[in-house]
C-alpha atoms as a PDB file:
ATOM      1  CA  UNK A   1     -63.934  17.600   4.417  1.00  0.00           C
ATOM      2  CA  UNK A   2     -60.904  18.115   2.203  1.00  0.00           C
ATOM      3  CA  UNK A   3     -57.575  16.496   3.018  1.00  0.00           C
ATOM      4  CA  UNK A   4     -54.679  18.933   3.126  1.00  0.00           C
ATOM      5  CA  UNK A   5     -51.816  17.703   0.844  1.00  0.00           C
ATOM      6  CA  UNK A   6     -49.675  20.800   0.766  1.00  0.00           C
ATOM      7  CA  UNK A   7     -47.231  21.409   3.606  1.00  0.00           C
ATOM      8  CA  UNK A   8     -47.898  24.301   5.839  1.00  0.00           C
ATOM      9  CA  UNK A   9     -45.978  27.392   4.915  1.00  0.00           C
ATOM     10  CA  UNK A  10     -42.663  27.765   6.723  1.00  0.00           C
ATOM     11  CA  UNK A  11     -41.664  30.854   8.525  1.00  0.00           C
ATOM     12  CA  UNK A  12     -38.637  32.731   7.244  1.00  0.00           C
ATOM     13  CA  UNK A  13     -36.316  31.309   9.916  1.00  0.00           C
ATOM     14  CA  UNK A  14     -37.556  27.731   9.303  1.00  0.00           C
ATOM     15  CA  UNK A  15     -36.959  28.089   5.551  1.00  0.00           C
ATOM     16  CA  UNK A  16     -33.460  29.474   6.192  1.00  0.00           C
ATOM     17  CA  UNK A  17     -32.643  26.598   8.574  1.00  0.00           C
ATOM     18  CA  UNK A  18     -33.920  23.987   6.083  1.00  0.00           C
ATOM     19  CA  UNK A  19     -31.865  25.546   3.268  1.00  0.00           C
ATOM     20  CA  UNK A  20     -28.715  25.583   5.440  1.00  0.00           C
ATOM     21  CA  UNK A  21     -29.197  21.914   6.421  1.00  0.00           C
ATOM     22  CA  UNK A  22     -29.454  20.988   2.711  1.00  0.00           C
ATOM     23  CA  UNK A  23     -26.301  22.973   1.917  1.00  0.00           C
ATOM     24  CA  UNK A  24     -24.361  21.293   4.740  1.00  0.00           C
ATOM     25  CA  UNK A  25     -25.566  17.868   3.546  1.00  0.00           C
ATOM     26  CA  UNK A  26     -24.441  18.584  -0.010  1.00  0.00           C
ATOM     27  CA  UNK A  27     -21.072  19.864   1.208  1.00  0.00           C
ATOM     28  CA  UNK A  28     -20.535  16.714   3.302  1.00  0.00           C
ATOM     29  CA  UNK A  29     -21.427  14.581   0.295  1.00  0.00           C
ATOM     30  CA  UNK A  30     -19.006  16.544  -1.911  1.00  0.00           C
ATOM     31  CA  UNK A  31     -15.971  16.114   0.375  1.00  0.00           C
ATOM     32  CA  UNK A  32     -15.216  12.446  -0.505  1.00  0.00           C
ATOM     33  CA  UNK A  33     -16.055  13.074  -4.170  1.00  0.00           C
ATOM     34  CA  UNK A  34     -13.527  15.921  -4.391  1.00  0.00           C
ATOM     35  CA  UNK A  35     -10.962  13.911  -2.385  1.00  0.00           C
ATOM     36  CA  UNK A  36     -11.334  10.989  -4.813  1.00  0.00           C
ATOM     37  CA  UNK A  37     -10.941  13.340  -7.789  1.00  0.00           C
ATOM     38  CA  UNK A  38      -7.567  14.438  -6.369  1.00  0.00           C
ATOM     39  CA  UNK A  39      -6.433  10.832  -5.834  1.00  0.00           C
ATOM     40  CA  UNK A  40      -6.524  10.835  -2.033  1.00  0.00           C
ATOM     41  CA  UNK A  41      -7.856   7.264  -1.989  1.00  0.00           C
ATOM     42  CA  UNK A  42      -5.205   6.023  -4.393  1.00  0.00           C
ATOM     43  CA  UNK A  43      -3.686   4.539  -6.231  1.00  0.00           C
ATOM     44  CA  UNK A  44      -0.470   6.380  -5.410  1.00  0.00           C
ATOM     45  CA  UNK A  45       3.021   4.951  -5.321  1.00  0.00           C
ATOM     46  CA  UNK A  46       6.453   6.080  -4.241  1.00  0.00           C
ATOM     47  CA  UNK A  47       9.994   4.826  -3.652  1.00  0.00           C
ATOM     48  CA  UNK A  48      12.170   4.406  -0.552  1.00  0.00           C
ATOM     49  CA  UNK A  49      15.862   3.564  -0.272  1.00  0.00           C
ATOM     50  CA  UNK A  50      18.312   2.399   2.366  1.00  0.00           C
ATOM     51  CA  UNK A  51      21.891   1.181   2.406  1.00  0.00           C
ATOM     52  CA  UNK A  52      24.238  -0.608   4.752  1.00  0.00           C
ATOM     53  CA  UNK A  53      26.921  -3.311   4.928  1.00  0.00           C
ATOM     54  CA  UNK A  54      27.693  -2.850   1.228  1.00  0.00           C
ATOM     55  CA  UNK A  55      24.075  -3.300   0.138  1.00  0.00           C
ATOM     56  CA  UNK A  56      21.692  -0.768  -1.344  1.00  0.00           C
ATOM     57  CA  UNK A  57      17.958  -1.484  -1.190  1.00  0.00           C
ATOM     58  CA  UNK A  58      15.392   0.418  -3.247  1.00  0.00           C
ATOM     59  CA  UNK A  59      11.691  -0.327  -2.752  1.00  0.00           C
ATOM     60  CA  UNK A  60       8.874   0.867  -5.015  1.00  0.00           C
ATOM     61  CA  UNK A  61       5.580   0.468  -3.135  1.00  0.00           C
ATOM     62  CA  UNK A  62       1.932   1.563  -3.011  1.00  0.00           C
ATOM     63  CA  UNK A  63       1.558   4.631  -0.821  1.00  0.00           C
ATOM     64  CA  UNK A  64      -2.246   4.539  -1.021  1.00  0.00           C
ATOM     65  CA  UNK A  65      -4.397   1.869  -2.604  1.00  0.00           C
ATOM     66  CA  UNK A  66      -7.851   0.406  -2.355  1.00  0.00           C
ATOM     67  CA  UNK A  67      -9.605  -2.907  -2.783  1.00  0.00           C
ATOM     68  CA  UNK A  68      -8.910  -4.808  -6.023  1.00  0.00           C
ATOM     69  CA  UNK A  69      -6.545  -2.143  -7.425  1.00  0.00           C
ATOM     70  CA  UNK A  70      -3.108  -3.132  -8.743  1.00  0.00           C
ATOM     71  CA  UNK A  71      -0.568  -2.733  -5.931  1.00  0.00           C
ATOM     72  CA  UNK A  72       2.806  -2.122  -7.595  1.00  0.00           C
ATOM     73  CA  UNK A  73       5.544  -3.509  -5.392  1.00  0.00           C
ATOM     74  CA  UNK A  74       9.122  -4.103  -6.490  1.00  0.00           C
ATOM     75  CA  UNK A  75      12.567  -3.868  -5.037  1.00  0.00           C
ATOM     76  CA  UNK A  76      16.165  -3.819  -6.171  1.00  0.00           C
ATOM     77  CA  UNK A  77      19.077  -5.104  -4.102  1.00  0.00           C
ATOM     78  CA  UNK A  78      22.497  -3.908  -5.250  1.00  0.00           C
ATOM     79  CA  UNK A  79      25.859  -5.077  -3.923  1.00  0.00           C
ATOM     80  CA  UNK A  80      29.052  -3.648  -5.361  1.00  0.00           C
ATOM     81  CA  UNK A  81      31.160  -6.507  -6.714  1.00  0.00           C
ATOM     82  CA  UNK A  82      28.143  -8.806  -7.020  1.00  0.00           C
ATOM     83  CA  UNK A  83      26.738 -11.522  -4.785  1.00  0.00           C
ATOM     84  CA  UNK A  84      29.063 -14.385  -5.711  1.00  0.00           C
ATOM     85  CA  UNK A  85      27.414 -17.710  -4.899  1.00  0.00           C
ATOM     86  CA  UNK A  86      25.472 -16.305  -1.928  1.00  0.00           C
ATOM     87  CA  UNK A  87      21.691 -16.132  -2.255  1.00  0.00           C
ATOM     88  CA  UNK A  88      19.952 -12.783  -1.809  1.00  0.00           C
ATOM     89  CA  UNK A  89      17.757 -12.978   1.303  1.00  0.00           C
ATOM     90  CA  UNK A  90      15.057 -10.429   2.156  1.00  0.00           C
ATOM     91  CA  UNK A  91      12.507 -10.252   4.958  1.00  0.00           C
ATOM     92  CA  UNK A  92       9.068  -8.631   4.502  1.00  0.00           C
ATOM     93  CA  UNK A  93       6.302  -8.014   7.047  1.00  0.00           C
ATOM     94  CA  UNK A  94       3.637 -10.685   6.659  1.00  0.00           C
ATOM     95  CA  UNK A  95       0.885  -8.155   7.429  1.00  0.00           C
ATOM     96  CA  UNK A  96       1.720  -6.398   4.150  1.00  0.00           C
ATOM     97  CA  UNK A  97       1.648  -9.632   2.140  1.00  0.00           C
ATOM     98  CA  UNK A  98      -1.670 -10.605   3.773  1.00  0.00           C
ATOM     99  CA  UNK A  99      -3.319  -7.383   2.508  1.00  0.00           C
ATOM    100  CA  UNK A 100      -2.567  -8.346  -1.100  1.00  0.00           C
ATOM    101  CA  UNK A 101      -4.188 -10.698  -3.584  1.00  0.00           C
ATOM    102  CA  UNK A 102      -0.799 -12.261  -4.275  1.00  0.00           C
ATOM    103  CA  UNK A 103      -0.074 -13.677  -7.727  1.00  0.00           C
ATOM    104  CA  UNK A 104       3.663 -14.258  -8.092  1.00  0.00           C
ATOM    105  CA  UNK A 105       7.177 -12.876  -7.703  1.00  0.00           C
ATOM    106  CA  UNK A 106       9.355 -12.233 -10.753  1.00  0.00           C
ATOM    107  CA  UNK A 107      11.823 -13.888 -10.416  1.00  0.00           C
ATOM    108  CA  UNK A 108      10.356 -16.584  -8.199  1.00  0.00           C
ATOM    109  CA  UNK A 109      12.162 -17.070  -4.846  1.00  0.00           C
ATOM    110  CA  UNK A 110      14.177 -20.264  -4.496  1.00  0.00           C
ATOM    111  CA  UNK A 111      13.062 -20.605  -0.844  1.00  0.00           C
ATOM    112  CA  UNK A 112      10.497 -19.062   1.482  1.00  0.00           C
ATOM    113  CA  UNK A 113       9.970 -19.211   5.240  1.00  0.00           C
ATOM    114  CA  UNK A 114       7.323 -17.675   7.493  1.00  0.00           C
ATOM    115  CA  UNK A 115       7.638 -17.074  11.228  1.00  0.00           C
ATOM    116  CA  UNK A 116       4.116 -15.657  11.640  1.00  0.00           C
ATOM    117  CA  UNK A 117       5.195 -11.992  11.656  1.00  0.00           C
ATOM    118  CA  UNK A 118       7.558 -11.885   8.705  1.00  0.00           C
ATOM    119  CA  UNK A 119       8.175 -13.791   5.499  1.00  0.00           C
ATOM    120  CA  UNK A 120      11.761 -14.512   4.466  1.00  0.00           C
ATOM    121  CA  UNK A 121      12.405 -14.902   0.749  1.00  0.00           C
ATOM    122  CA  UNK A 122      15.636 -16.314  -0.680  1.00  0.00           C
ATOM    123  CA  UNK A 123      16.543 -15.582  -4.303  1.00  0.00           C
ATOM    124  CA  UNK A 124      19.262 -17.215  -6.363  1.00  0.00           C
ATOM    125  CA  UNK A 125      22.226 -14.848  -6.825  1.00  0.00           C
ATOM    126  CA  UNK A 126      21.914 -12.813 -10.007  1.00  0.00           C
ATOM    127  CA  UNK A 127      24.580 -12.286 -12.599  1.00  0.00           C
ATOM    128  CA  UNK A 128      25.971  -8.826 -11.929  1.00  0.00           C
ATOM    129  CA  UNK A 129      25.595  -6.387  -9.067  1.00  0.00           C
ATOM    130  CA  UNK A 130      21.785  -6.069  -8.855  1.00  0.00           C
ATOM    131  CA  UNK A 131      18.744  -8.216  -8.260  1.00  0.00           C
ATOM    132  CA  UNK A 132      15.461  -6.706  -9.444  1.00  0.00           C
ATOM    133  CA  UNK A 133      12.301  -8.317  -8.105  1.00  0.00           C
ATOM    134  CA  UNK A 134       8.687  -7.387  -8.795  1.00  0.00           C
ATOM    135  CA  UNK A 135       5.460  -8.653  -7.292  1.00  0.00           C
ATOM    136  CA  UNK A 136       2.361  -9.256  -9.378  1.00  0.00           C
ATOM    137  CA  UNK A 137      -0.416  -8.409  -6.922  1.00  0.00           C
ATOM    138  CA  UNK A 138      -3.589  -6.461  -6.366  1.00  0.00           C
ATOM    139  CA  UNK A 139      -4.915  -5.071  -3.130  1.00  0.00           C
ATOM    140  CA  UNK A 140      -7.005  -7.842  -1.632  1.00  0.00           C
ATOM    141  CA  UNK A 141     -10.783  -7.617  -1.999  1.00  0.00           C
ATOM    142  CA  UNK A 142     -12.960  -6.548   0.932  1.00  0.00           C
ATOM    143  CA  UNK A 143     -10.110  -4.793   2.712  1.00  0.00           C
ATOM    144  CA  UNK A 144     -10.979  -2.548   5.587  1.00  0.00           C
ATOM    145  CA  UNK A 145      -9.149   0.700   6.216  1.00  0.00           C
ATOM    146  CA  UNK A 146      -5.617   0.473   7.583  1.00  0.00           C
ATOM    147  CA  UNK A 147      -2.645   2.791   7.645  1.00  0.00           C
ATOM    148  CA  UNK A 148       0.534   1.065   8.773  1.00  0.00           C
ATOM    149  CA  UNK A 149       4.307   1.031   8.490  1.00  0.00           C
ATOM    150  CA  UNK A 150       5.875  -2.047   6.904  1.00  0.00           C
ATOM    151  CA  UNK A 151       9.501  -3.143   6.548  1.00  0.00           C
ATOM    152  CA  UNK A 152      11.572  -4.805   3.850  1.00  0.00           C
ATOM    153  CA  UNK A 153      15.041  -5.837   4.979  1.00  0.00           C
ATOM    154  CA  UNK A 154      17.937  -7.306   3.008  1.00  0.00           C
ATOM    155  CA  UNK A 155      20.000  -9.697   5.127  1.00  0.00           C
ATOM    156  CA  UNK A 156      23.763 -10.154   5.150  1.00  0.00           C
ATOM    157  CA  UNK A 157      24.064 -13.614   6.623  1.00  0.00           C
ATOM    158  CA  UNK A 158      22.083 -13.441   9.873  1.00  0.00           C
ATOM    159  CA  UNK A 159      22.415  -9.650  10.196  1.00  0.00           C
ATOM    160  CA  UNK A 160      20.138  -6.918   8.876  1.00  0.00           C
ATOM    161  CA  UNK A 161      22.088  -5.061   6.186  1.00  0.00           C
ATOM    162  CA  UNK A 162      19.559  -2.456   5.023  1.00  0.00           C
ATOM    163  CA  UNK A 163      15.904  -1.835   5.902  1.00  0.00           C
ATOM    164  CA  UNK A 164      13.363   0.310   4.097  1.00  0.00           C
ATOM    165  CA  UNK A 165      10.381   1.259   6.230  1.00  0.00           C
ATOM    166  CA  UNK A 166       7.412   2.195   4.078  1.00  0.00           C
ATOM    167  CA  UNK A 167       3.915   3.413   4.866  1.00  0.00           C
ATOM    168  CA  UNK A 168       0.864   2.207   2.970  1.00  0.00           C
ATOM    169  CA  UNK A 169      -2.753   3.260   3.401  1.00  0.00           C
ATOM    170  CA  UNK A 170      -5.315   0.650   2.395  1.00  0.00           C
ATOM    171  CA  UNK A 171      -8.735   2.159   1.686  1.00  0.00           C
ATOM    172  CA  UNK A 172     -11.855  -0.035   1.529  1.00  0.00           C
END
């Protein structure tokens, strides 16, 4: 008795169905590949601005990023007439900082406080009308997907002077 090793012949409709299933599978596989080729999963960056109480705040932030990729984040605080002897104080959502593999600020803050939800950074007053700060960071490793709004606020004393709300998508 011979053992049959060839599959039984398919009918025309079975062959058509099998071919269509393969085509659908290939199309589903191609979707994330094409999306990645067009940069959907990052990295992408953009800029947001706000002004108030004599301050102008410009934030350059990652719009879409993924695990272990450089996350460019910087901001500029401008105050016509300069800051005098007053420190420049900003408040940033802690959830954003927690998603990053944080290296250092340039310049380094002179003080830092954390209330659990937000981190407050105090910078020595710059010479001139503007303080430019950049963060050396990468998106933290092993990040799950998230798509959230974050806030960076410059403070004028105890009051919010200007707030930039920015949206970042973190891909795994």
